Protein backbone atom coordinates (compact mmCIF):
# COMPACT_ATOMS: atom_id res chain seq x y z
CA UNK A 1 139.63 121.99 167.39
CA UNK A 2 140.72 121.72 163.35
CA UNK A 3 144.32 121.68 162.87
CA UNK A 4 145.50 124.66 161.21
CA UNK A 5 146.92 122.92 158.29
CA UNK A 6 143.54 121.04 157.51
CA UNK A 7 142.28 124.89 157.59
CA UNK A 8 145.01 125.80 155.15
CA UNK A 9 143.92 122.90 152.96
CA UNK A 10 139.91 124.11 152.78
CA UNK A 11 141.22 127.81 152.22
CA UNK A 12 143.53 126.46 149.22
CA UNK A 13 140.78 124.30 148.16
CA UNK A 14 138.34 127.42 147.55
CA UNK A 15 140.56 129.31 145.88
CA UNK A 16 141.93 126.82 143.91
CA UNK A 17 137.77 126.02 142.94
CA UNK A 18 137.58 129.75 142.28
CA UNK A 19 140.37 130.20 139.85
CA UNK A 20 140.00 127.20 137.67
CA UNK A 21 136.66 125.49 136.22
CA UNK A 22 136.80 122.34 134.95
CA UNK A 23 134.28 122.61 131.61
CA UNK A 24 132.79 120.14 129.56
CA UNK A 25 132.74 121.73 125.85
CA UNK A 26 131.24 119.04 123.35
CA UNK A 27 129.64 115.72 123.91
CA UNK A 28 128.97 113.91 120.43
CA UNK A 29 126.44 111.19 120.74
CA UNK A 30 124.54 110.38 117.66
CA UNK A 31 121.16 110.65 118.47
CA UNK A 32 120.18 107.49 115.92
CA UNK A 33 122.65 104.68 114.30
CA UNK A 34 121.88 101.84 111.98
CA UNK A 35 122.15 98.28 113.23
CA UNK A 36 125.34 97.00 112.47
CA UNK A 37 127.09 100.03 112.03
CA UNK A 38 130.46 101.19 114.32
CA UNK A 39 130.06 104.65 116.20
CA UNK A 40 132.11 107.20 117.79
CA UNK A 41 131.37 109.01 121.06
CA UNK A 42 132.94 111.69 121.37
CA UNK A 43 133.75 114.27 125.12
CA UNK A 44 136.23 116.90 124.63
CA UNK A 45 136.28 118.91 127.94
CA UNK A 46 138.26 121.81 129.13
CA UNK A 47 140.52 121.65 132.06
CA UNK A 48 140.91 125.47 132.58
CA UNK A 49 144.06 125.05 134.36
CA UNK A 50 143.44 121.80 136.31
CA UNK A 51 145.15 117.96 135.46
CA UNK A 52 142.95 115.50 134.18
CA UNK A 53 142.24 112.78 136.57
CA UNK A 54 139.60 110.46 134.94
CA UNK A 55 136.76 109.86 132.09
CA UNK A 56 134.13 107.60 132.18
CA UNK A 57 131.55 106.53 129.94
CA UNK A 58 128.35 105.20 131.16
CA UNK A 59 124.96 103.50 129.27
CA UNK A 60 121.63 103.65 131.34
CA UNK A 61 123.77 104.32 134.55
CA UNK A 62 126.22 101.45 134.50
CA UNK A 63 130.25 102.23 133.58
CA UNK A 64 131.26 100.83 130.63
CA UNK A 65 134.73 102.34 129.79
CA UNK A 66 137.06 104.49 131.82
CA UNK A 67 140.46 106.54 131.08
CA UNK A 68 142.21 106.77 134.48
CA UNK A 69 145.47 108.78 133.53
CA UNK A 70 147.36 107.07 136.42
CA UNK A 71 146.75 103.95 135.69
CA UNK A 72 148.27 101.31 133.09
CA UNK A 73 147.37 101.22 130.62
CA UNK A 74 145.08 104.09 131.25
CA UNK A 75 141.93 103.03 128.79
CA UNK A 76 139.89 99.96 130.06
CA UNK A 77 136.57 98.54 128.91
CA UNK A 78 134.32 97.33 131.89
CA UNK A 79 132.19 94.47 130.22
CA UNK A 80 128.16 95.28 129.81
CA UNK A 81 125.74 93.70 127.51
CA UNK A 82 124.68 95.76 124.36
CA UNK A 83 128.04 97.42 124.37
CA UNK A 84 131.73 96.61 122.47
CA UNK A 85 134.42 98.73 122.83
CA UNK A 86 137.03 98.64 120.11
CA UNK A 87 139.48 99.08 122.64
CA UNK A 88 142.15 100.17 120.35
CA UNK A 89 140.41 103.10 118.65
CA UNK A 90 138.84 104.46 122.01
CA UNK A 91 140.79 107.42 124.38
CA UNK A 92 140.36 109.90 126.95
CA UNK A 93 138.16 111.87 124.00
CA UNK A 94 136.97 109.13 121.98
CA UNK A 95 135.27 106.21 122.36
CA UNK A 96 134.43 103.53 119.52
CA UNK A 97 131.85 101.33 119.47
CA UNK A 98 131.86 97.99 117.69
CA UNK A 99 129.29 96.56 115.60
CA UNK A 100 126.07 97.72 117.62
CA UNK A 101 123.16 95.89 118.23
CA UNK A 102 119.60 97.05 119.11
CA UNK A 103 120.25 96.62 123.19
CA UNK A 104 122.68 99.36 122.66
CA UNK A 105 120.00 101.81 122.30
CA UNK A 106 119.84 103.65 125.76
CA UNK A 107 120.97 106.79 127.06
CA UNK A 108 124.84 107.48 127.33
CA UNK A 109 126.56 109.50 129.65
CA UNK A 110 130.40 111.08 129.86
CA UNK A 111 132.07 112.21 132.92
CA UNK A 112 135.26 114.68 133.75
CA UNK A 113 137.14 114.61 136.88
CA UNK A 114 139.96 116.66 137.69
CA UNK A 115 143.02 115.69 140.17
CA UNK A 116 143.46 116.35 143.66
CA UNK A 117 142.05 118.10 145.74
CA UNK A 118 139.21 118.99 144.88
CA UNK A 119 138.31 115.83 142.01
CA UNK A 120 135.39 118.11 140.55
CA UNK A 121 133.56 116.49 138.21
CA UNK A 122 131.73 117.04 135.04
CA UNK A 123 129.07 115.59 133.13
CA UNK A 124 126.36 115.46 130.31
CA UNK A 125 124.10 112.89 128.53
CA UNK A 126 122.29 112.01 124.93
CA UNK A 127 119.99 109.54 123.76
CA UNK A 128 121.24 107.12 121.16
CA UNK A 129 118.49 104.75 119.42
CA UNK A 130 120.24 101.53 117.32
CA UNK A 131 117.62 101.81 113.88
CA UNK A 132 117.08 98.53 111.86
CA UNK A 133 115.75 99.55 108.99
CA UNK A 134 112.85 98.70 107.51
CA UNK A 135 112.64 95.68 103.96
CA UNK A 136 114.00 96.51 101.01
CA UNK A 137 111.95 98.19 98.28
CA UNK A 138 110.59 101.13 100.44
CA UNK A 139 106.51 101.23 102.01
CA UNK A 140 103.92 99.39 100.01
CA UNK A 141 100.21 100.47 98.72
CA UNK A 142 97.46 98.41 98.69
CA UNK A 143 93.56 98.96 97.55
CA UNK A 144 94.23 101.13 94.29
CA UNK A 145 91.99 100.90 91.45
CA UNK A 146 93.09 101.06 87.75
CA UNK A 147 91.12 103.66 87.15
CA UNK A 148 88.33 106.32 89.31
CA UNK A 149 85.52 108.04 88.41
CA UNK A 150 83.96 111.47 90.10
CA UNK A 151 82.57 110.74 92.92
CA UNK A 152 84.13 107.15 93.59
CA UNK A 153 85.47 106.16 96.87
CA UNK A 154 89.46 106.02 97.83
CA UNK A 155 90.03 103.34 100.08
CA UNK A 156 93.92 102.20 100.40
CA UNK A 157 96.52 101.41 102.99
CA UNK A 158 100.54 102.06 102.76
CA UNK A 159 102.45 99.56 105.04
CA UNK A 160 106.40 99.98 106.01
CA UNK A 161 107.51 96.19 107.03
CA UNK A 162 109.61 95.36 110.03
CA UNK A 163 111.88 97.94 111.16
CA UNK A 164 112.53 99.40 114.69
CA UNK A 165 111.57 101.77 115.60
CA UNK A 166 108.52 101.37 113.37
CA UNK A 167 108.72 104.15 110.13
CA UNK A 168 106.68 107.25 110.47
CA UNK A 169 104.06 106.74 107.42
CA UNK A 170 102.68 110.31 105.64
CA UNK A 171 100.53 110.59 102.78
CA UNK A 172 100.33 113.01 99.56
CA UNK A 173 97.37 113.41 97.34
CA UNK A 174 98.96 115.11 93.88
CA UNK A 175 102.06 116.40 95.98
CA UNK A 176 99.68 118.27 98.93
CA UNK A 177 100.00 116.43 102.11
CA UNK A 178 96.52 114.68 102.73
CA UNK A 179 94.50 116.34 105.41
CA UNK A 180 94.63 114.63 108.70
CA UNK A 181 90.68 113.67 108.46
CA UNK A 182 91.36 112.04 105.29
CA UNK A 183 93.95 108.95 107.28
CA UNK A 184 93.23 105.99 108.69
CA UNK A 185 95.81 105.36 111.72
CA UNK A 186 96.27 101.59 112.51
CA UNK A 187 98.44 100.13 115.79
CA UNK A 188 101.70 99.03 115.14
CA UNK A 189 102.08 95.43 114.25
CA UNK A 190 105.19 94.12 116.97
CA UNK A 191 106.74 90.63 115.18
CA UNK A 192 108.05 88.08 117.85
CA UNK A 193 111.97 89.07 117.06
CA UNK A 194 111.01 92.49 118.25
CA UNK A 195 110.94 94.49 114.76
CA UNK A 196 107.54 96.68 114.10
CA UNK A 197 105.45 97.11 111.16
CA UNK A 198 103.40 100.21 110.57
CA UNK A 199 100.25 101.22 107.89
CA UNK A 200 98.36 104.00 107.62
CA UNK A 201 94.90 104.29 105.61
CA UNK A 202 93.95 107.11 102.90
CA UNK A 203 89.85 107.49 102.59
CA UNK A 204 88.38 110.36 100.49
CA UNK A 205 85.95 110.52 98.16
CA UNK A 206 87.35 111.56 94.64
CA UNK A 207 86.44 115.27 93.22
CA UNK A 208 87.42 117.45 89.97
CA UNK A 209 89.58 119.02 91.87
CA UNK A 210 91.93 115.89 92.11
CA UNK A 211 92.12 115.91 88.20
CA UNK A 212 93.28 119.16 87.53
CA UNK A 213 96.55 118.18 86.59
CA UNK A 214 95.82 115.02 84.88
CA UNK A 215 95.87 111.26 86.38
CA UNK A 216 95.55 111.30 90.14
CA UNK A 217 98.70 110.56 91.95
CA UNK A 218 98.99 109.18 95.66
CA UNK A 219 102.31 109.01 97.72
CA UNK A 220 103.19 107.61 100.56
CA UNK A 221 106.08 108.42 102.37
CA UNK A 222 108.08 106.32 105.49
CA UNK A 223 110.98 108.24 107.50
CA UNK A 224 113.38 107.05 110.35
CA UNK A 225 114.89 109.78 112.13
CA UNK A 226 117.58 111.67 109.39
CA UNK A 227 118.59 107.88 108.29
CA UNK A 228 115.69 106.49 106.06
CA UNK A 229 113.53 108.02 103.72
CA UNK A 230 111.88 105.93 101.37
CA UNK A 231 108.63 106.70 99.16
CA UNK A 232 106.08 105.24 96.82
CA UNK A 233 103.65 106.50 94.27
CA UNK A 234 100.16 105.29 92.53
CA UNK A 235 99.02 106.90 89.51
CA UNK A 236 95.91 106.01 88.15
CA UNK A 237 93.36 107.49 85.66
CA UNK A 238 89.97 108.87 85.45
CA UNK A 239 86.85 107.24 83.71
CA UNK A 240 86.45 108.95 80.17
CA UNK A 241 82.95 110.08 79.63
CA UNK A 242 81.29 108.19 76.88
CA UNK A 243 80.91 110.56 73.46
CA UNK A 244 78.23 111.37 72.24
CA UNK A 245 76.43 109.58 68.98
CA UNK A 246 77.83 110.98 65.74
CA UNK A 247 75.09 111.11 62.46
CA UNK A 248 76.67 110.07 59.78
CA UNK A 249 76.37 111.75 56.39
CA UNK A 250 76.66 109.83 53.20
CA UNK A 251 77.09 111.27 49.43
CA UNK A 252 75.40 109.29 46.56
CA UNK A 253 75.81 109.85 42.96
CA UNK A 254 73.88 109.59 39.76
CA UNK A 255 74.48 110.00 36.57
CA UNK A 256 75.60 113.69 35.91
CA UNK A 257 73.96 114.95 38.97
CA UNK A 258 75.87 114.86 42.63
CA UNK A 259 73.22 115.02 45.62
CA UNK A 260 74.20 114.57 49.47
CA UNK A 261 71.46 112.94 51.34
CA UNK A 262 71.17 112.38 55.01
CA UNK A 263 69.85 110.00 57.13
CA UNK A 264 67.15 112.88 58.39
CA UNK A 265 65.51 113.67 55.31
CA UNK A 266 65.00 117.48 54.37
CA UNK A 267 61.13 118.73 54.33
CA UNK A 268 59.82 119.64 51.12
CA UNK A 269 62.74 117.84 48.76
CA UNK A 270 62.05 114.36 47.65
CA UNK A 271 65.29 112.53 45.81
CA UNK A 272 64.68 111.88 41.95
CA UNK A 273 63.79 108.69 41.05
CA UNK A 274 65.61 107.37 37.32
CA UNK A 275 62.55 104.82 36.47
CA UNK A 276 60.15 107.21 36.98
CA UNK A 277 61.59 109.31 34.60
CA UNK A 278 61.66 106.93 31.99
CA UNK A 279 57.88 105.68 32.75
CA UNK A 280 57.25 109.82 32.09
CA UNK A 281 58.93 110.35 28.71
CA UNK A 282 58.09 107.15 27.24
CA UNK A 283 54.07 108.25 28.01
CA UNK A 284 54.98 111.35 26.75
CA UNK A 285 56.29 109.79 23.18
CA UNK A 286 52.94 107.59 22.67
CA UNK A 287 50.60 110.58 23.51
CA UNK A 288 52.68 112.88 20.94
CA UNK A 289 52.54 109.68 18.20
CA UNK A 290 48.84 109.34 18.95
CA UNK A 291 48.11 112.55 18.38
CA UNK A 292 50.05 112.35 14.93
CA UNK A 293 47.41 109.64 13.65
CA UNK A 294 44.60 111.73 14.83
CA UNK A 295 45.40 114.82 13.03
CA UNK A 296 46.60 112.37 9.70
CA UNK A 297 43.60 110.47 9.94
CA UNK A 298 41.00 113.75 10.12
CA UNK A 299 43.20 115.68 7.55
CA UNK A 300 42.86 112.63 4.43
CA UNK A 301 39.14 112.37 5.58
CA UNK A 302 38.73 116.15 4.17
CA UNK A 303 40.19 115.46 1.01
CA UNK A 304 37.71 113.24 -0.16
C-alpha cells in the first residue's frame, strides 16, 4: 500500500506540472562560422514559475559545459576535443567558444532543467559548421582565348582551391545563369589536410546572340553559405569580319584641263594623248604649206 504522504506528493507534482511549464524560448547557434574566430552560443528559456536547476550544453551528445545553480561556482567546463570554452564570458544563457577549429563542427544541444520535485527538462539542437575559407584571390578561370568567332567552342574551367567545405560554383554568360546542359561537373579534390578544391567546367558553341551586347562575358561565382561570396570574370572579343576591298579612284591633270581616270576604264572614252595632238598639228601645217606652194607655181605658169 502506497503511503498517504507519497500519494500526496504525486498529486502535488501533477498539479504543479499542470500549473507551470518550463519552456525553451530561443536557441541561437550559427549555422556556419569561420575557422579561428570566437563563437557565441545562446540558450534563452522561460521558467514559467519554476526554479532553475541547471543548464547543460552538449556537442554530438557529449557534455562540455554545465551551469548548476546550487554548485559553487555554478559554471563548469567539461573538457571535450574541438571545444574550447571561454569560461569568464559564459553563463546560464550564453556560452562563448574561443578560436574554433574544424573539429568544432557538429550538432550542439542546450538542455534546461527545473528544480525538484519535477526536474522538468527541455532541450533543442542545431548544427554548426566551421568553415575554412578558400585561398585568397577568388575563383580562377582557365582555358579562355583572346578571341572567339561564331561557331567556335568555348571550353573553360573554374576552380576554387583549398576550403572546407568545398565552395559552391556557378557560371554566368553575359550575366545570365548558364544552363545545366552547358556545365561540366568534376569530383571534389580532397587534400591531405582535409581541405577541398571544387572545379566546374563550362562548354558551349558561340552564337551571334553572345555578342549582341558587345564582348562575350563569362563569370564564375564561388559561395560558401552566407560567409563567402567571390567571383571572377573574363571578357573576350569576337573575331572581326574582314573588310571588302575598295577600288581606289585617282585624278590626273593636264595643262588647262582636269580629268578623272579610274582603274576601271569607261566604255567609249579614251584619255587624250598630248604627243598625238602635236603630231597632227605639225602634219596640218605641212600640208597647208605644200598646198600654198603648188597654188603659187600654177599661178606663175599662167602669167608666162
